[in-house]
Amino acid sequence: MRLSDGLLDHIVASLRAAAPADHAPPSGREQSESRRQRRVGVAARVTLIPLSQTMPPAPFDVALRDLSAGGVGFLHTSRVGLDEQFVALLPDGRESVAVLCQVTHYQ
């Protein structure tokens, strides 16, 4: 996954605008950790479309925790294995942006 800074800002604004008022993003998530890219905390649901045989065969929603230009952090009830590929549908105003992703870390 690789988003431009402008597209990342649009997506974060769209996610925050769509979030219920009582569902604030995690505090302190936009911080200068020792990361290559700025990570922004968000609290939203997004749709993932699996591209492998080991993930559920149909699109499913996950709780998005954070977003950066190079990745997404989400919660899911089942483990998604390393190197699994999926498309994340991220909101950009009234439209969605389909972003190809690959799992590089899980816990």
C-alpha atoms as a PDB file:
ATOM      1  CA  MET A   1       0.000   0.000   0.000  1.00  0.00           C
ATOM      2  CA  ARG A   2       1.279   3.468  -0.817  1.00  0.00           C
ATOM      3  CA  LEU A   3      -0.830   6.612  -0.538  1.00  0.00           C
ATOM      4  CA  SER A   4       0.226  10.166  -1.305  1.00  0.00           C
ATOM      5  CA  ASP A   5       0.128  12.570   1.636  1.00  0.00           C
ATOM      6  CA  GLY A   6      -2.790  14.435   0.039  1.00  0.00           C
ATOM      7  CA  LEU A   7      -4.856  11.280  -0.480  1.00  0.00           C
ATOM      8  CA  LEU A   8      -4.055  10.119   3.061  1.00  0.00           C
ATOM      9  CA  ASP A   9      -5.305  13.440   4.435  1.00  0.00           C
ATOM     10  CA  HIS A  10      -8.538  13.181   2.385  1.00  0.00           C
ATOM     11  CA  ILE A  11      -9.183   9.623   3.547  1.00  0.00           C
ATOM     12  CA  VAL A  12      -8.528  10.477   7.211  1.00  0.00           C
ATOM     13  CA  ALA A  13     -10.891  13.466   6.963  1.00  0.00           C
ATOM     14  CA  SER A  14     -13.563  11.263   5.357  1.00  0.00           C
ATOM     15  CA  LEU A  15     -13.191   8.577   8.020  1.00  0.00           C
ATOM     16  CA  ARG A  16     -13.404  11.103  10.833  1.00  0.00           C
ATOM     17  CA  ALA A  17     -16.407  12.876   9.284  1.00  0.00           C
ATOM     18  CA  ALA A  18     -18.272   9.569   9.006  1.00  0.00           C
ATOM     19  CA  ALA A  19     -17.467   8.466  12.580  1.00  0.00           C
ATOM     20  CA  PRO A  20     -20.206   8.880  15.208  1.00  0.00           C
ATOM     21  CA  ALA A  21     -19.570  11.795  17.565  1.00  0.00           C
ATOM     22  CA  ASP A  22     -19.195   9.457  20.542  1.00  0.00           C
ATOM     23  CA  HIS A  23     -16.686   7.251  18.718  1.00  0.00           C
ATOM     24  CA  ALA A  24     -13.506   9.333  18.809  1.00  0.00           C
ATOM     25  CA  PRO A  25     -10.245   8.011  17.363  1.00  0.00           C
ATOM     26  CA  PRO A  26      -7.721   6.612  19.810  1.00  0.00           C
ATOM     27  CA  SER A  27      -5.895   9.427  21.536  1.00  0.00           C
ATOM     28  CA  GLY A  28      -2.226   9.961  20.897  1.00  0.00           C
ATOM     29  CA  ARG A  29      -2.055   7.795  17.784  1.00  0.00           C
ATOM     30  CA  GLU A  30      -0.736  10.558  15.532  1.00  0.00           C
ATOM     31  CA  GLN A  31       2.662  10.533  17.074  1.00  0.00           C
ATOM     32  CA  SER A  32       6.277  10.474  16.080  1.00  0.00           C
ATOM     33  CA  GLU A  33       7.073   6.867  16.862  1.00  0.00           C
ATOM     34  CA  SER A  34      10.209   5.459  15.284  1.00  0.00           C
ATOM     35  CA  ARG A  35       8.293   4.815  12.085  1.00  0.00           C
ATOM     36  CA  ARG A  36       9.026   5.701   8.513  1.00  0.00           C
ATOM     37  CA  GLN A  37       5.573   7.175   7.984  1.00  0.00           C
ATOM     38  CA  ARG A  38       3.140   9.221  10.028  1.00  0.00           C
ATOM     39  CA  ARG A  39       0.428   7.012  11.560  1.00  0.00           C
ATOM     40  CA  VAL A  40      -2.998   8.530  12.210  1.00  0.00           C
ATOM     41  CA  GLY A  41      -5.440   7.000  14.687  1.00  0.00           C
ATOM     42  CA  VAL A  42      -8.945   6.525  13.324  1.00  0.00           C
ATOM     43  CA  ALA A  43     -12.043   4.739  14.544  1.00  0.00           C
ATOM     44  CA  ALA A  44     -14.044   3.477  11.588  1.00  0.00           C
ATOM     45  CA  ARG A  45     -15.234   0.398   9.769  1.00  0.00           C
ATOM     46  CA  VAL A  46     -13.899  -0.392   6.323  1.00  0.00           C
ATOM     47  CA  THR A  47     -14.448  -3.213   3.867  1.00  0.00           C
ATOM     48  CA  LEU A  48     -11.711  -5.654   2.900  1.00  0.00           C
ATOM     49  CA  ILE A  49     -11.905  -7.786  -0.227  1.00  0.00           C
ATOM     50  CA  PRO A  50      -9.764 -10.930   0.094  1.00  0.00           C
ATOM     51  CA  LEU A  51      -7.522 -11.974  -2.776  1.00  0.00           C
ATOM     52  CA  SER A  52      -6.383 -15.339  -1.415  1.00  0.00           C
ATOM     53  CA  GLN A  53      -7.921 -18.686  -0.641  1.00  0.00           C
ATOM     54  CA  THR A  54      -7.081 -18.639   3.073  1.00  0.00           C
ATOM     55  CA  MET A  55      -9.159 -15.565   3.964  1.00  0.00           C
ATOM     56  CA  PRO A  56     -12.962 -15.573   4.077  1.00  0.00           C
ATOM     57  CA  PRO A  57     -14.230 -15.883   0.481  1.00  0.00           C
ATOM     58  CA  ALA A  58     -16.388 -12.739   0.507  1.00  0.00           C
ATOM     59  CA  PRO A  59     -15.790  -9.074   1.376  1.00  0.00           C
ATOM     60  CA  PHE A  60     -15.967  -8.359   5.104  1.00  0.00           C
ATOM     61  CA  ASP A  61     -15.828  -5.320   7.378  1.00  0.00           C
ATOM     62  CA  VAL A  62     -13.114  -4.691   9.958  1.00  0.00           C
ATOM     63  CA  ALA A  63     -12.545  -2.082  12.639  1.00  0.00           C
ATOM     64  CA  LEU A  64      -9.857   0.271  11.376  1.00  0.00           C
ATOM     65  CA  ARG A  65      -7.503   1.455  14.148  1.00  0.00           C
ATOM     66  CA  ASP A  66      -4.943   3.516  12.302  1.00  0.00           C
ATOM     67  CA  LEU A  67      -3.780   4.487   8.872  1.00  0.00           C
ATOM     68  CA  SER A  68      -0.522   5.634   7.310  1.00  0.00           C
ATOM     69  CA  ALA A  69       0.668   6.235   3.762  1.00  0.00           C
ATOM     70  CA  GLY A  70       2.111   2.721   3.795  1.00  0.00           C
ATOM     71  CA  GLY A  71      -0.399   0.652   5.728  1.00  0.00           C
ATOM     72  CA  VAL A  72      -3.530   0.115   7.756  1.00  0.00           C
ATOM     73  CA  GLY A  73      -4.014  -1.266  11.241  1.00  0.00           C
ATOM     74  CA  PHE A  74      -7.264  -3.137  11.810  1.00  0.00           C
ATOM     75  CA  LEU A  75      -8.933  -5.570  14.169  1.00  0.00           C
ATOM     76  CA  HIS A  76     -10.439  -8.806  12.928  1.00  0.00           C
ATOM     77  CA  THR A  77     -11.825 -11.860  14.702  1.00  0.00           C
ATOM     78  CA  SER A  78      -9.644 -14.257  12.695  1.00  0.00           C
ATOM     79  CA  ARG A  79      -5.931 -14.186  12.082  1.00  0.00           C
ATOM     80  CA  VAL A  80      -4.892 -12.995   8.661  1.00  0.00           C
ATOM     81  CA  GLY A  81      -1.603 -14.617   7.705  1.00  0.00           C
ATOM     82  CA  LEU A  82       1.596 -12.988   6.569  1.00  0.00           C
ATOM     83  CA  ASP A  83       1.771 -12.130   2.870  1.00  0.00           C
ATOM     84  CA  GLU A  84      -2.021 -12.396   2.476  1.00  0.00           C
ATOM     85  CA  GLN A  85      -3.277  -9.852  -0.039  1.00  0.00           C
ATOM     86  CA  PHE A  86      -6.531  -7.938   0.070  1.00  0.00           C
ATOM     87  CA  VAL A  87      -8.088  -4.765  -1.251  1.00  0.00           C
ATOM     88  CA  ALA A  88      -9.093  -2.176   1.348  1.00  0.00           C
ATOM     89  CA  LEU A  89     -11.954   0.110   0.362  1.00  0.00           C
ATOM     90  CA  LEU A  90     -11.102   3.448   1.970  1.00  0.00           C
ATOM     91  CA  PRO A  91     -13.477   6.410   1.797  1.00  0.00           C
ATOM     92  CA  ASP A  92     -12.430   9.538  -0.061  1.00  0.00           C
ATOM     93  CA  GLY A  93     -15.391  11.878   0.200  1.00  0.00           C
ATOM     94  CA  ARG A  94     -18.387  10.319  -1.524  1.00  0.00           C
ATOM     95  CA  GLU A  95     -16.258   7.727  -3.289  1.00  0.00           C
ATOM     96  CA  SER A  96     -14.112   4.825  -2.142  1.00  0.00           C
ATOM     97  CA  VAL A  97     -10.496   4.263  -3.049  1.00  0.00           C
ATOM     98  CA  ALA A  98      -9.525   0.628  -3.627  1.00  0.00           C
ATOM     99  CA  VAL A  99      -6.034   0.047  -2.236  1.00  0.00           C
ATOM    100  CA  LEU A 100      -4.078  -3.175  -2.698  1.00  0.00           C
ATOM    101  CA  CYS A 101      -2.575  -4.300   0.631  1.00  0.00           C
ATOM    102  CA  GLN A 102      -0.402  -7.145   1.837  1.00  0.00           C
ATOM    103  CA  VAL A 103      -0.061  -8.297   5.441  1.00  0.00           C
ATOM    104  CA  THR A 104       3.460  -7.694   6.736  1.00  0.00           C
ATOM    105  CA  HIS A 105       2.779  -7.838  10.492  1.00  0.00           C
ATOM    106  CA  TYR A 106       0.101  -9.125  12.828  1.00  0.00           C
ATOM    107  CA  GLN A 107      -0.315  -9.740  16.538  1.00  0.00           C
END
